[in-house]
């Protein structure tokens, strides 16, 4: 009789702390869902980073192309009878490149 009471006590304790297999299944489903969305987020962020890498021109790091672009800008400004200062040219180039 003592064994039965003790067993019932342990069973009640187990049932009160764990809600059974339903919680295990529910939690597994939630974990699978979380993993799915983490993977999707990772794919989306990678695609976004690839797009950003393509959108940023490499001209900003090439001094020869920057000089050519700067000279073209000075020609356009002088064509409109504006005498550009060095600061003005640098500000326009920074604006164009996006710094």
C-alpha atoms as a PDB file:
ATOM      1  CA  UNK A   1       0.000   0.000   0.000  1.00  0.00           C
ATOM      2  CA  UNK A   2       2.851   2.334   0.808  1.00  0.00           C
ATOM      3  CA  UNK A   3       4.351   1.735  -2.606  1.00  0.00           C
ATOM      4  CA  UNK A   4       1.079   2.588  -4.327  1.00  0.00           C
ATOM      5  CA  UNK A   5       0.689   5.852  -2.395  1.00  0.00           C
ATOM      6  CA  UNK A   6       4.255   6.813  -3.107  1.00  0.00           C
ATOM      7  CA  UNK A   7       3.790   5.987  -6.791  1.00  0.00           C
ATOM      8  CA  UNK A   8       0.607   8.056  -6.953  1.00  0.00           C
ATOM      9  CA  UNK A   9       2.394  10.943  -5.270  1.00  0.00           C
ATOM     10  CA  UNK A  10       5.208  10.785  -7.814  1.00  0.00           C
ATOM     11  CA  UNK A  11       2.744  10.561 -10.692  1.00  0.00           C
ATOM     12  CA  UNK A  12       0.812  13.592  -9.416  1.00  0.00           C
ATOM     13  CA  UNK A  13       4.043  15.523  -9.021  1.00  0.00           C
ATOM     14  CA  UNK A  14       5.104  14.612 -12.550  1.00  0.00           C
ATOM     15  CA  UNK A  15       1.719  15.508 -14.028  1.00  0.00           C
ATOM     16  CA  UNK A  16       1.595  18.840 -12.198  1.00  0.00           C
ATOM     17  CA  UNK A  17       5.074  19.903 -13.371  1.00  0.00           C
ATOM     18  CA  UNK A  18       4.902  18.492 -16.890  1.00  0.00           C
ATOM     19  CA  UNK A  19       1.762  18.782 -18.889  1.00  0.00           C
ATOM     20  CA  UNK A  20       2.576  15.669 -20.823  1.00  0.00           C
ATOM     21  CA  UNK A  21       3.564  14.811 -24.320  1.00  0.00           C
ATOM     22  CA  UNK A  22       1.389  17.585 -25.748  1.00  0.00           C
ATOM     23  CA  UNK A  23       3.797  20.233 -24.448  1.00  0.00           C
ATOM     24  CA  UNK A  24       6.759  18.355 -25.849  1.00  0.00           C
ATOM     25  CA  UNK A  25       5.132  18.188 -29.276  1.00  0.00           C
ATOM     26  CA  UNK A  26       4.016  21.831 -29.098  1.00  0.00           C
ATOM     27  CA  UNK A  27       7.503  22.979 -28.079  1.00  0.00           C
ATOM     28  CA  UNK A  28       9.105  20.911 -30.854  1.00  0.00           C
ATOM     29  CA  UNK A  29       6.790  22.549 -33.382  1.00  0.00           C
ATOM     30  CA  UNK A  30       7.704  25.983 -32.047  1.00  0.00           C
ATOM     31  CA  UNK A  31      11.402  25.145 -32.220  1.00  0.00           C
ATOM     32  CA  UNK A  32      11.060  23.959 -35.810  1.00  0.00           C
ATOM     33  CA  UNK A  33       9.201  27.160 -36.662  1.00  0.00           C
ATOM     34  CA  UNK A  34      11.877  29.307 -35.001  1.00  0.00           C
ATOM     35  CA  UNK A  35      14.619  27.505 -36.918  1.00  0.00           C
ATOM     36  CA  UNK A  36      12.730  27.980 -40.183  1.00  0.00           C
ATOM     37  CA  UNK A  37      12.435  31.725 -39.661  1.00  0.00           C
ATOM     38  CA  UNK A  38      16.058  32.064 -38.556  1.00  0.00           C
ATOM     39  CA  UNK A  39      17.154  30.356 -41.777  1.00  0.00           C
ATOM     40  CA  UNK A  40      14.825  32.533 -43.863  1.00  0.00           C
ATOM     41  CA  UNK A  41      16.123  35.691 -42.158  1.00  0.00           C
ATOM     42  CA  UNK A  42      19.684  34.598 -42.850  1.00  0.00           C
ATOM     43  CA  UNK A  43      18.905  34.036 -46.550  1.00  0.00           C
ATOM     44  CA  UNK A  44      17.154  37.395 -46.846  1.00  0.00           C
ATOM     45  CA  UNK A  45      20.015  39.246 -45.126  1.00  0.00           C
ATOM     46  CA  UNK A  46      22.566  37.545 -47.387  1.00  0.00           C
ATOM     47  CA  UNK A  47      20.571  38.558 -50.470  1.00  0.00           C
ATOM     48  CA  UNK A  48      20.340  42.127 -49.154  1.00  0.00           C
ATOM     49  CA  UNK A  49      24.094  42.277 -48.531  1.00  0.00           C
ATOM     50  CA  UNK A  50      24.727  41.003 -52.070  1.00  0.00           C
ATOM     51  CA  UNK A  51      22.468  43.717 -53.472  1.00  0.00           C
ATOM     52  CA  UNK A  52      24.250  46.373 -51.416  1.00  0.00           C
ATOM     53  CA  UNK A  53      27.637  45.153 -52.633  1.00  0.00           C
ATOM     54  CA  UNK A  54      26.427  45.491 -56.225  1.00  0.00           C
ATOM     55  CA  UNK A  55      24.861  48.904 -55.615  1.00  0.00           C
ATOM     56  CA  UNK A  56      27.994  50.494 -54.165  1.00  0.00           C
ATOM     57  CA  UNK A  57      30.200  51.573 -57.052  1.00  0.00           C
ATOM     58  CA  UNK A  58      33.831  50.553 -57.046  1.00  0.00           C
ATOM     59  CA  UNK A  59      34.673  53.964 -58.523  1.00  0.00           C
ATOM     60  CA  UNK A  60      34.889  55.425 -55.030  1.00  0.00           C
ATOM     61  CA  UNK A  61      37.988  53.337 -54.357  1.00  0.00           C
ATOM     62  CA  UNK A  62      39.655  53.929 -57.739  1.00  0.00           C
ATOM     63  CA  UNK A  63      41.663  57.193 -57.725  1.00  0.00           C
ATOM     64  CA  UNK A  64      41.984  57.280 -61.521  1.00  0.00           C
ATOM     65  CA  UNK A  65      38.229  57.106 -62.069  1.00  0.00           C
ATOM     66  CA  UNK A  66      37.657  59.646 -59.280  1.00  0.00           C
ATOM     67  CA  UNK A  67      40.041  62.101 -60.980  1.00  0.00           C
ATOM     68  CA  UNK A  68      38.305  61.586 -64.331  1.00  0.00           C
ATOM     69  CA  UNK A  69      34.910  62.101 -62.689  1.00  0.00           C
ATOM     70  CA  UNK A  70      36.198  65.207 -60.889  1.00  0.00           C
ATOM     71  CA  UNK A  71      37.572  66.699 -64.122  1.00  0.00           C
ATOM     72  CA  UNK A  72      34.247  66.052 -65.870  1.00  0.00           C
ATOM     73  CA  UNK A  73      32.388  67.751 -63.049  1.00  0.00           C
ATOM     74  CA  UNK A  74      34.672  70.805 -63.228  1.00  0.00           C
ATOM     75  CA  UNK A  75      34.068  71.040 -67.013  1.00  0.00           C
ATOM     76  CA  UNK A  76      30.292  70.948 -66.548  1.00  0.00           C
ATOM     77  CA  UNK A  77      30.414  73.644 -63.864  1.00  0.00           C
ATOM     78  CA  UNK A  78      32.707  75.907 -65.920  1.00  0.00           C
ATOM     79  CA  UNK A  79      30.472  75.429 -68.966  1.00  0.00           C
ATOM     80  CA  UNK A  80      27.800  77.296 -66.991  1.00  0.00           C
ATOM     81  CA  UNK A  81      30.201  80.138 -66.132  1.00  0.00           C
ATOM     82  CA  UNK A  82      30.630  79.122 -62.507  1.00  0.00           C
ATOM     83  CA  UNK A  83      34.071  79.272 -60.971  1.00  0.00           C
ATOM     84  CA  UNK A  84      34.173  76.278 -58.603  1.00  0.00           C
ATOM     85  CA  UNK A  85      36.184  76.230 -55.420  1.00  0.00           C
ATOM     86  CA  UNK A  86      37.955  73.103 -54.186  1.00  0.00           C
ATOM     87  CA  UNK A  87      35.501  72.714 -51.301  1.00  0.00           C
ATOM     88  CA  UNK A  88      32.541  73.004 -53.651  1.00  0.00           C
ATOM     89  CA  UNK A  89      33.922  70.275 -55.940  1.00  0.00           C
ATOM     90  CA  UNK A  90      34.705  67.973 -53.011  1.00  0.00           C
ATOM     91  CA  UNK A  91      31.207  68.466 -51.548  1.00  0.00           C
ATOM     92  CA  UNK A  92      29.581  67.635 -54.891  1.00  0.00           C
ATOM     93  CA  UNK A  93      31.714  64.518 -55.336  1.00  0.00           C
ATOM     94  CA  UNK A  94      30.955  63.364 -51.794  1.00  0.00           C
ATOM     95  CA  UNK A  95      27.266  63.932 -52.450  1.00  0.00           C
ATOM     96  CA  UNK A  96      27.400  62.009 -55.725  1.00  0.00           C
ATOM     97  CA  UNK A  97      29.266  59.040 -54.236  1.00  0.00           C
ATOM     98  CA  UNK A  98      27.140  59.075 -51.104  1.00  0.00           C
ATOM     99  CA  UNK A  99      29.621  59.869 -48.341  1.00  0.00           C
END
